[in-house]
Amino acid sequence: NFAAQVKELRETQEALGKAKKDLEDQKASHAEEKKGLEEEVGKLQSAMAPAEGEPESVRELTTRAQLVERIQQLGEGVFKAA
């Protein structure tokens, strides 16, 4: 029985060691993923920052389609005024 208990203890220790290693690997992987996501958020925030001299009326436009629509509206206004 003693030999069986020693064998079981050794197997449990090996499993624990593997679990600890797997946990550390996952922590490292998640840290890298988090860093990548933070960089992406920074790029997106930078892209969404208002340009110098940008009118307040276009700051809420968040998509290209909204911007194109606004440009078309302004263009129509210019032609109607002419």
PDB file of N, CA and C in Angstrom:
ATOM      1  N   ASN A   1       0.807  -1.197   0.000  1.00  0.00           N
ATOM      2  CA  ASN A   1       0.000   0.000   0.000  1.00  0.00           C
ATOM      3  C   ASN A   1       0.854   1.267   0.000  1.00  0.00           C
ATOM      4  N   PHE A   2       1.976   1.220   0.716  1.00  0.00           N
ATOM      5  CA  PHE A   2       2.853   2.380   0.777  1.00  0.00           C
ATOM      6  C   PHE A   2       3.364   2.744  -0.615  1.00  0.00           C
ATOM      7  N   ALA A   3       3.768   1.745  -1.379  1.00  0.00           N
ATOM      8  CA  ALA A   3       4.274   1.979  -2.733  1.00  0.00           C
ATOM      9  C   ALA A   3       3.194   2.600  -3.610  1.00  0.00           C
ATOM     10  N   ALA A   4       1.972   2.153  -3.457  1.00  0.00           N
ATOM     11  CA  ALA A   4       0.863   2.700  -4.242  1.00  0.00           C
ATOM     12  C   ALA A   4       0.605   4.154  -3.860  1.00  0.00           C
ATOM     13  N   GLN A   5       0.713   4.458  -2.561  1.00  0.00           N
ATOM     14  CA  GLN A   5       0.503   5.833  -2.109  1.00  0.00           C
ATOM     15  C   GLN A   5       1.607   6.756  -2.623  1.00  0.00           C
ATOM     16  N   VAL A   6       2.848   6.266  -2.623  1.00  0.00           N
ATOM     17  CA  VAL A   6       3.973   7.046  -3.138  1.00  0.00           C
ATOM     18  C   VAL A   6       3.776   7.314  -4.626  1.00  0.00           C
ATOM     19  N   LYS A   7       3.356   6.279  -5.359  1.00  0.00           N
ATOM     20  CA  LYS A   7       3.113   6.432  -6.795  1.00  0.00           C
ATOM     21  C   LYS A   7       2.003   7.456  -7.035  1.00  0.00           C
ATOM     22  N   GLU A   8       0.928   7.364  -6.264  1.00  0.00           N
ATOM     23  CA  GLU A   8      -0.193   8.294  -6.418  1.00  0.00           C
ATOM     24  C   GLU A   8       0.248   9.723  -6.087  1.00  0.00           C
ATOM     25  N   LEU A   9       1.048   9.882  -5.045  1.00  0.00           N
ATOM     26  CA  LEU A   9       1.556  11.196  -4.657  1.00  0.00           C
ATOM     27  C   LEU A   9       2.425  11.787  -5.765  1.00  0.00           C
ATOM     28  N   ARG A  10       3.297  10.962  -6.340  1.00  0.00           N
ATOM     29  CA  ARG A  10       4.169  11.411  -7.430  1.00  0.00           C
ATOM     30  C   ARG A  10       3.333  11.863  -8.630  1.00  0.00           C
ATOM     31  N   GLU A  11       2.317  11.075  -8.982  1.00  0.00           N
ATOM     32  CA  GLU A  11       1.448  11.422 -10.106  1.00  0.00           C
ATOM     33  C   GLU A  11       0.689  12.722  -9.829  1.00  0.00           C
ATOM     34  N   THR A  12       0.246  12.883  -8.581  1.00  0.00           N
ATOM     35  CA  THR A  12      -0.462  14.105  -8.204  1.00  0.00           C
ATOM     36  C   THR A  12       0.469  15.310  -8.289  1.00  0.00           C
ATOM     37  N   GLN A  13       1.705  15.152  -7.842  1.00  0.00           N
ATOM     38  CA  GLN A  13       2.680  16.241  -7.911  1.00  0.00           C
ATOM     39  C   GLN A  13       2.987  16.602  -9.362  1.00  0.00           C
ATOM     40  N   GLU A  14       3.107  15.600 -10.222  1.00  0.00           N
ATOM     41  CA  GLU A  14       3.346  15.850 -11.641  1.00  0.00           C
ATOM     42  C   GLU A  14       2.167  16.598 -12.261  1.00  0.00           C
ATOM     43  N   ALA A  15       0.952  16.166 -11.907  1.00  0.00           N
ATOM     44  CA  ALA A  15      -0.245  16.829 -12.427  1.00  0.00           C
ATOM     45  C   ALA A  15      -0.312  18.274 -11.937  1.00  0.00           C
ATOM     46  N   LEU A  16       0.035  18.489 -10.680  1.00  0.00           N
ATOM     47  CA  LEU A  16       0.050  19.839 -10.123  1.00  0.00           C
ATOM     48  C   LEU A  16       1.085  20.700 -10.839  1.00  0.00           C
ATOM     49  N   GLY A  17       2.257  20.154 -11.061  1.00  0.00           N
ATOM     50  CA  GLY A  17       3.303  20.888 -11.781  1.00  0.00           C
ATOM     51  C   GLY A  17       2.861  21.269 -13.182  1.00  0.00           C
ATOM     52  N   LYS A  18       2.221  20.324 -13.874  1.00  0.00           N
ATOM     53  CA  LYS A  18       1.724  20.599 -15.225  1.00  0.00           C
ATOM     54  C   LYS A  18       0.634  21.670 -15.188  1.00  0.00           C
ATOM     55  N   ALA A  19      -0.256  21.584 -14.202  1.00  0.00           N
ATOM     56  CA  ALA A  19      -1.332  22.569 -14.080  1.00  0.00           C
ATOM     57  C   ALA A  19      -0.762  23.962 -13.819  1.00  0.00           C
ATOM     58  N   LYS A  20       0.261  24.052 -12.971  1.00  0.00           N
ATOM     59  CA  LYS A  20       0.898  25.344 -12.694  1.00  0.00           C
ATOM     60  C   LYS A  20       1.548  25.912 -13.951  1.00  0.00           C
ATOM     61  N   LYS A  21       2.226  25.039 -14.706  1.00  0.00           N
ATOM     62  CA  LYS A  21       2.865  25.486 -15.947  1.00  0.00           C
ATOM     63  C   LYS A  21       1.819  25.970 -16.941  1.00  0.00           C
ATOM     64  N   ASP A  22       0.732  25.216 -17.083  1.00  0.00           N
ATOM     65  CA  ASP A  22      -0.347  25.613 -17.989  1.00  0.00           C
ATOM     66  C   ASP A  22      -0.935  26.959 -17.579  1.00  0.00           C
ATOM     67  N   LEU A  23      -1.106  27.163 -16.281  1.00  0.00           N
ATOM     68  CA  LEU A  23      -1.648  28.422 -15.778  1.00  0.00           C
ATOM     69  C   LEU A  23      -0.716  29.582 -16.115  1.00  0.00           C
ATOM     70  N   GLU A  24       0.573  29.398 -15.918  1.00  0.00           N
ATOM     71  CA  GLU A  24       1.543  30.445 -16.246  1.00  0.00           C
ATOM     72  C   GLU A  24       1.541  30.738 -17.744  1.00  0.00           C
ATOM     73  N   ASP A  25       1.445  29.692 -18.566  1.00  0.00           N
ATOM     74  CA  ASP A  25       1.384  29.884 -20.016  1.00  0.00           C
ATOM     75  C   ASP A  25       0.150  30.693 -20.400  1.00  0.00           C
ATOM     76  N   GLN A  26      -0.980  30.382 -19.767  1.00  0.00           N
ATOM     77  CA  GLN A  26      -2.212  31.112 -20.067  1.00  0.00           C
ATOM     78  C   GLN A  26      -2.112  32.562 -19.619  1.00  0.00           C
ATOM     79  N   LYS A  27      -1.507  32.794 -18.459  1.00  0.00           N
ATOM     80  CA  LYS A  27      -1.328  34.171 -17.986  1.00  0.00           C
ATOM     81  C   LYS A  27      -0.499  34.967 -18.984  1.00  0.00           C
ATOM     82  N   ALA A  28       0.581  34.363 -19.473  1.00  0.00           N
ATOM     83  CA  ALA A  28       1.444  35.041 -20.439  1.00  0.00           C
ATOM     84  C   ALA A  28       0.685  35.312 -21.730  1.00  0.00           C
ATOM     85  N   SER A  29      -0.076  34.328 -22.176  1.00  0.00           N
ATOM     86  CA  SER A  29      -0.851  34.483 -23.404  1.00  0.00           C
ATOM     87  C   SER A  29      -1.880  35.596 -23.259  1.00  0.00           C
ATOM     88  N   HIS A  30      -2.566  35.624 -22.120  1.00  0.00           N
ATOM     89  CA  HIS A  30      -3.573  36.660 -21.897  1.00  0.00           C
ATOM     90  C   HIS A  30      -2.928  38.035 -21.764  1.00  0.00           C
ATOM     91  N   ALA A  31      -1.748  38.101 -21.190  1.00  0.00           N
ATOM     92  CA  ALA A  31      -1.047  39.380 -21.064  1.00  0.00           C
ATOM     93  C   ALA A  31      -0.704  39.917 -22.450  1.00  0.00           C
ATOM     94  N   GLU A  32      -0.242  39.030 -23.339  1.00  0.00           N
ATOM     95  CA  GLU A  32       0.077  39.439 -24.707  1.00  0.00           C
ATOM     96  C   GLU A  32      -1.183  39.884 -25.438  1.00  0.00           C
ATOM     97  N   GLU A  33      -2.267  39.126 -25.260  1.00  0.00           N
ATOM     98  CA  GLU A  33      -3.530  39.468 -25.909  1.00  0.00           C
ATOM     99  C   GLU A  33      -4.043  40.813 -25.390  1.00  0.00           C
ATOM    100  N   LYS A  34      -3.951  41.027 -24.089  1.00  0.00           N
ATOM    101  CA  LYS A  34      -4.401  42.287 -23.491  1.00  0.00           C
ATOM    102  C   LYS A  34      -3.584  43.448 -24.048  1.00  0.00           C
ATOM    103  N   LYS A  35      -2.272  43.259 -24.155  1.00  0.00           N
ATOM    104  CA  LYS A  35      -1.410  44.315 -24.683  1.00  0.00           C
ATOM    105  C   LYS A  35      -1.809  44.649 -26.120  1.00  0.00           C
ATOM    106  N   GLY A  36      -2.063  43.616 -26.918  1.00  0.00           N
ATOM    107  CA  GLY A  36      -2.479  43.836 -28.302  1.00  0.00           C
ATOM    108  C   GLY A  36      -3.804  44.578 -28.382  1.00  0.00           C
ATOM    109  N   LEU A  37      -4.743  44.207 -27.523  1.00  0.00           N
ATOM    110  CA  LEU A  37      -6.042  44.884 -27.515  1.00  0.00           C
ATOM    111  C   LEU A  37      -5.908  46.334 -27.060  1.00  0.00           C
ATOM    112  N   GLU A  38      -5.063  46.579 -26.074  1.00  0.00           N
ATOM    113  CA  GLU A  38      -4.843  47.953 -25.620  1.00  0.00           C
ATOM    114  C   GLU A  38      -4.227  48.799 -26.731  1.00  0.00           C
ATOM    115  N   GLU A  39      -3.309  48.227 -27.496  1.00  0.00           N
ATOM    116  CA  GLU A  39      -2.713  48.944 -28.624  1.00  0.00           C
ATOM    117  C   GLU A  39      -3.770  49.259 -29.673  1.00  0.00           C
ATOM    118  N   GLU A  40      -4.639  48.296 -29.956  1.00  0.00           N
ATOM    119  CA  GLU A  40      -5.705  48.496 -30.939  1.00  0.00           C
ATOM    120  C   GLU A  40      -6.671  49.584 -30.478  1.00  0.00           C
ATOM    121  N   VAL A  41      -7.028  49.574 -29.201  1.00  0.00           N
ATOM    122  CA  VAL A  41      -7.906  50.615 -28.655  1.00  0.00           C
ATOM    123  C   VAL A  41      -7.239  51.982 -28.800  1.00  0.00           C
ATOM    124  N   GLY A  42      -5.954  52.052 -28.521  1.00  0.00           N
ATOM    125  CA  GLY A  42      -5.223  53.312 -28.671  1.00  0.00           C
ATOM    126  C   GLY A  42      -5.252  53.815 -30.102  1.00  0.00           C
ATOM    127  N   LYS A  43      -5.058  52.917 -31.056  1.00  0.00           N
ATOM    128  CA  LYS A  43      -5.104  53.300 -32.470  1.00  0.00           C
ATOM    129  C   LYS A  43      -6.488  53.808 -32.849  1.00  0.00           C
ATOM    130  N   LEU A  44      -7.520  53.103 -32.381  1.00  0.00           N
ATOM    131  CA  LEU A  44      -8.887  53.514 -32.696  1.00  0.00           C
ATOM    132  C   LEU A  44      -9.225  54.856 -32.053  1.00  0.00           C
ATOM    133  N   GLN A  45      -8.794  55.063 -30.826  1.00  0.00           N
ATOM    134  CA  GLN A  45      -9.040  56.344 -30.168  1.00  0.00           C
ATOM    135  C   GLN A  45      -8.328  57.466 -30.905  1.00  0.00           C
ATOM    136  N   SER A  46      -7.130  57.196 -31.361  1.00  0.00           N
ATOM    137  CA  SER A  46      -6.381  58.189 -32.116  1.00  0.00           C
ATOM    138  C   SER A  46      -7.080  58.512 -33.435  1.00  0.00           C
ATOM    139  N   ALA A  47      -7.587  57.473 -34.088  1.00  0.00           N
ATOM    140  CA  ALA A  47      -8.284  57.676 -35.362  1.00  0.00           C
ATOM    141  C   ALA A  47      -9.578  58.457 -35.173  1.00  0.00           C
ATOM    142  N   MET A  48     -10.204  58.304 -34.005  1.00  0.00           N
ATOM    143  CA  MET A  48     -11.473  58.983 -33.752  1.00  0.00           C
ATOM    144  C   MET A  48     -11.285  60.374 -33.145  1.00  0.00           C
ATOM    145  N   ALA A  49     -10.062  60.746 -32.821  1.00  0.00           N
ATOM    146  CA  ALA A  49      -9.817  62.064 -32.236  1.00  0.00           C
ATOM    147  C   ALA A  49     -10.156  63.140 -33.262  1.00  0.00           C
ATOM    148  N   PRO A  50     -10.770  64.221 -32.812  1.00  0.00           N
ATOM    149  CA  PRO A  50     -11.131  65.278 -33.755  1.00  0.00           C
ATOM    150  C   PRO A  50      -9.890  65.912 -34.378  1.00  0.00           C
ATOM    151  N   ALA A  51     -10.010  66.219 -35.649  1.00  0.00           N
ATOM    152  CA  ALA A  51      -8.916  66.873 -36.354  1.00  0.00           C
ATOM    153  C   ALA A  51      -8.912  68.356 -35.993  1.00  0.00           C
ATOM    154  N   GLU A  52      -7.775  68.979 -36.162  1.00  0.00           N
ATOM    155  CA  GLU A  52      -7.677  70.410 -35.883  1.00  0.00           C
ATOM    156  C   GLU A  52      -8.611  71.170 -36.817  1.00  0.00           C
ATOM    157  N   GLY A  53      -9.419  72.018 -36.253  1.00  0.00           N
ATOM    158  CA  GLY A  53     -10.348  72.808 -37.050  1.00  0.00           C
ATOM    159  C   GLY A  53     -11.603  72.059 -37.462  1.00  0.00           C
ATOM    160  N   GLU A  54     -11.786  70.866 -36.962  1.00  0.00           N
ATOM    161  CA  GLU A  54     -12.964  70.068 -37.329  1.00  0.00           C
ATOM    162  C   GLU A  54     -14.208  70.694 -36.701  1.00  0.00           C
ATOM    163  N   PRO A  55     -15.233  70.947 -37.512  1.00  0.00           N
ATOM    164  CA  PRO A  55     -16.448  71.560 -36.959  1.00  0.00           C
ATOM    165  C   PRO A  55     -17.159  70.623 -35.985  1.00  0.00           C
ATOM    166  N   GLU A  56     -17.810  71.209 -35.007  1.00  0.00           N
ATOM    167  CA  GLU A  56     -18.543  70.438 -34.000  1.00  0.00           C
ATOM    168  C   GLU A  56     -19.617  69.577 -34.652  1.00  0.00           C
ATOM    169  N   SER A  57     -20.179  70.042 -35.755  1.00  0.00           N
ATOM    170  CA  SER A  57     -21.295  69.342 -36.408  1.00  0.00           C
ATOM    171  C   SER A  57     -20.911  67.980 -36.974  1.00  0.00           C
ATOM    172  N   VAL A  58     -19.636  67.730 -37.189  1.00  0.00           N
ATOM    173  CA  VAL A  58     -19.234  66.433 -37.743  1.00  0.00           C
ATOM    174  C   VAL A  58     -18.559  65.532 -36.713  1.00  0.00           C
ATOM    175  N   ARG A  59     -18.396  66.006 -35.511  1.00  0.00           N
ATOM    176  CA  ARG A  59     -17.694  65.207 -34.492  1.00  0.00           C
ATOM    177  C   ARG A  59     -18.461  63.964 -34.085  1.00  0.00           C
ATOM    178  N   GLU A  60     -19.786  63.998 -34.192  1.00  0.00           N
ATOM    179  CA  GLU A  60     -20.562  62.820 -33.806  1.00  0.00           C
ATOM    180  C   GLU A  60     -20.653  61.783 -34.924  1.00  0.00           C
ATOM    181  N   LEU A  61     -20.147  62.088 -36.091  1.00  0.00           N
ATOM    182  CA  LEU A  61     -20.166  61.125 -37.198  1.00  0.00           C
ATOM    183  C   LEU A  61     -19.134  60.036 -36.905  1.00  0.00           C
ATOM    184  N   THR A  62     -19.590  58.803 -36.888  1.00  0.00           N
ATOM    185  CA  THR A  62     -18.683  57.718 -36.503  1.00  0.00           C
ATOM    186  C   THR A  62     -18.412  56.722 -37.615  1.00  0.00           C
ATOM    187  N   THR A  63     -19.125  56.821 -38.722  1.00  0.00           N
ATOM    188  CA  THR A  63     -18.881  55.884 -39.818  1.00  0.00           C
ATOM    189  C   THR A  63     -18.622  56.646 -41.103  1.00  0.00           C
ATOM    190  N   ARG A  64     -18.008  55.976 -42.017  1.00  0.00           N
ATOM    191  CA  ARG A  64     -17.740  56.562 -43.325  1.00  0.00           C
ATOM    192  C   ARG A  64     -19.055  56.910 -44.020  1.00  0.00           C
ATOM    193  N   ALA A  65     -20.058  56.036 -43.876  1.00  0.00           N
ATOM    194  CA  ALA A  65     -21.360  56.275 -44.503  1.00  0.00           C
ATOM    195  C   ALA A  65     -21.982  57.564 -43.972  1.00  0.00           C
ATOM    196  N   GLN A  66     -21.875  57.795 -42.667  1.00  0.00           N
ATOM    197  CA  GLN A  66     -22.416  59.027 -42.097  1.00  0.00           C
ATOM    198  C   GLN A  66     -21.683  60.245 -42.645  1.00  0.00           C
ATOM    199  N   LEU A  67     -20.385  60.143 -42.789  1.00  0.00           N
ATOM    200  CA  LEU A  67     -19.597  61.249 -43.323  1.00  0.00           C
ATOM    201  C   LEU A  67     -19.964  61.524 -44.776  1.00  0.00           C
ATOM    202  N   VAL A  68     -20.090  60.478 -45.581  1.00  0.00           N
ATOM    203  CA  VAL A  68     -20.467  60.647 -46.990  1.00  0.00           C
ATOM    204  C   VAL A  68     -21.842  61.295 -47.090  1.00  0.00           C
ATOM    205  N   GLU A  69     -22.772  60.846 -46.267  1.00  0.00           N
ATOM    206  CA  GLU A  69     -24.117  61.426 -46.272  1.00  0.00           C
ATOM    207  C   GLU A  69     -24.062  62.914 -45.926  1.00  0.00           C
ATOM    208  N   ARG A  70     -23.255  63.268 -44.937  1.00  0.00           N
ATOM    209  CA  ARG A  70     -23.130  64.679 -44.529  1.00  0.00           C
ATOM    210  C   ARG A  70     -22.519  65.502 -45.654  1.00  0.00           C
ATOM    211  N   ILE A  71     -21.520  64.970 -46.336  1.00  0.00           N
ATOM    212  CA  ILE A  71     -20.897  65.678 -47.459  1.00  0.00           C
ATOM    213  C   ILE A  71     -21.909  65.883 -48.573  1.00  0.00           C
ATOM    214  N   GLN A  72     -22.714  64.859 -48.855  1.00  0.00           N
ATOM    215  CA  GLN A  72     -23.746  64.986 -49.888  1.00  0.00           C
ATOM    216  C   GLN A  72     -24.756  66.066 -49.516  1.00  0.00           C
ATOM    217  N   GLN A  73     -25.157  66.103 -48.256  1.00  0.00           N
ATOM    218  CA  GLN A  73     -26.102  67.125 -47.806  1.00  0.00           C
ATOM    219  C   GLN A  73     -25.509  68.519 -47.980  1.00  0.00           C
ATOM    220  N   LEU A  74     -24.255  68.673 -47.620  1.00  0.00           N
ATOM    221  CA  LEU A  74     -23.602  69.973 -47.775  1.00  0.00           C
ATOM    222  C   LEU A  74     -23.478  70.349 -49.247  1.00  0.00           C
ATOM    223  N   GLY A  75     -23.153  69.357 -50.076  1.00  0.00           N
ATOM    224  CA  GLY A  75     -23.050  69.611 -51.515  1.00  0.00           C
ATOM    225  C   GLY A  75     -24.377  70.036 -52.111  1.00  0.00           C
ATOM    226  N   GLU A  76     -25.449  69.382 -51.716  1.00  0.00           N
ATOM    227  CA  GLU A  76     -26.779  69.751 -52.202  1.00  0.00           C
ATOM    228  C   GLU A  76     -27.131  71.168 -51.770  1.00  0.00           C
ATOM    229  N   GLY A  77     -26.751  71.523 -50.558  1.00  0.00           N
ATOM    230  CA  GLY A  77     -27.014  72.873 -50.061  1.00  0.00           C
ATOM    231  C   GLY A  77     -26.281  73.922 -50.871  1.00  0.00           C
ATOM    232  N   VAL A  78     -25.060  73.613 -51.290  1.00  0.00           N
ATOM    233  CA  VAL A  78     -24.278  74.552 -52.097  1.00  0.00           C
ATOM    234  C   VAL A  78     -24.932  74.744 -53.461  1.00  0.00           C
ATOM    235  N   PHE A  79     -25.375  73.639 -54.089  1.00  0.00           N
ATOM    236  CA  PHE A  79     -25.986  73.745 -55.412  1.00  0.00           C
ATOM    237  C   PHE A  79     -27.332  74.462 -55.357  1.00  0.00           C
ATOM    238  N   LYS A  80     -28.095  74.256 -54.307  1.00  0.00           N
ATOM    239  CA  LYS A  80     -29.385  74.928 -54.162  1.00  0.00           C
ATOM    240  C   LYS A  80     -29.192  76.423 -53.956  1.00  0.00           C
ATOM    241  N   ALA A  81     -28.128  76.793 -53.265  1.00  0.00           N
ATOM    242  CA  ALA A  81     -27.861  78.204 -52.985  1.00  0.00           C
ATOM    243  C   ALA A  81     -27.353  78.934 -54.221  1.00  0.00           C
ATOM    244  N   ALA A  82     -26.802  78.197 -55.177  1.00  0.00           N
ATOM    245  CA  ALA A  82     -26.205  78.832 -56.363  1.00  0.00           C
ATOM    246  C   ALA A  82     -27.213  79.191 -57.409  1.00  0.00           C
TER     247      ALA A  82
END
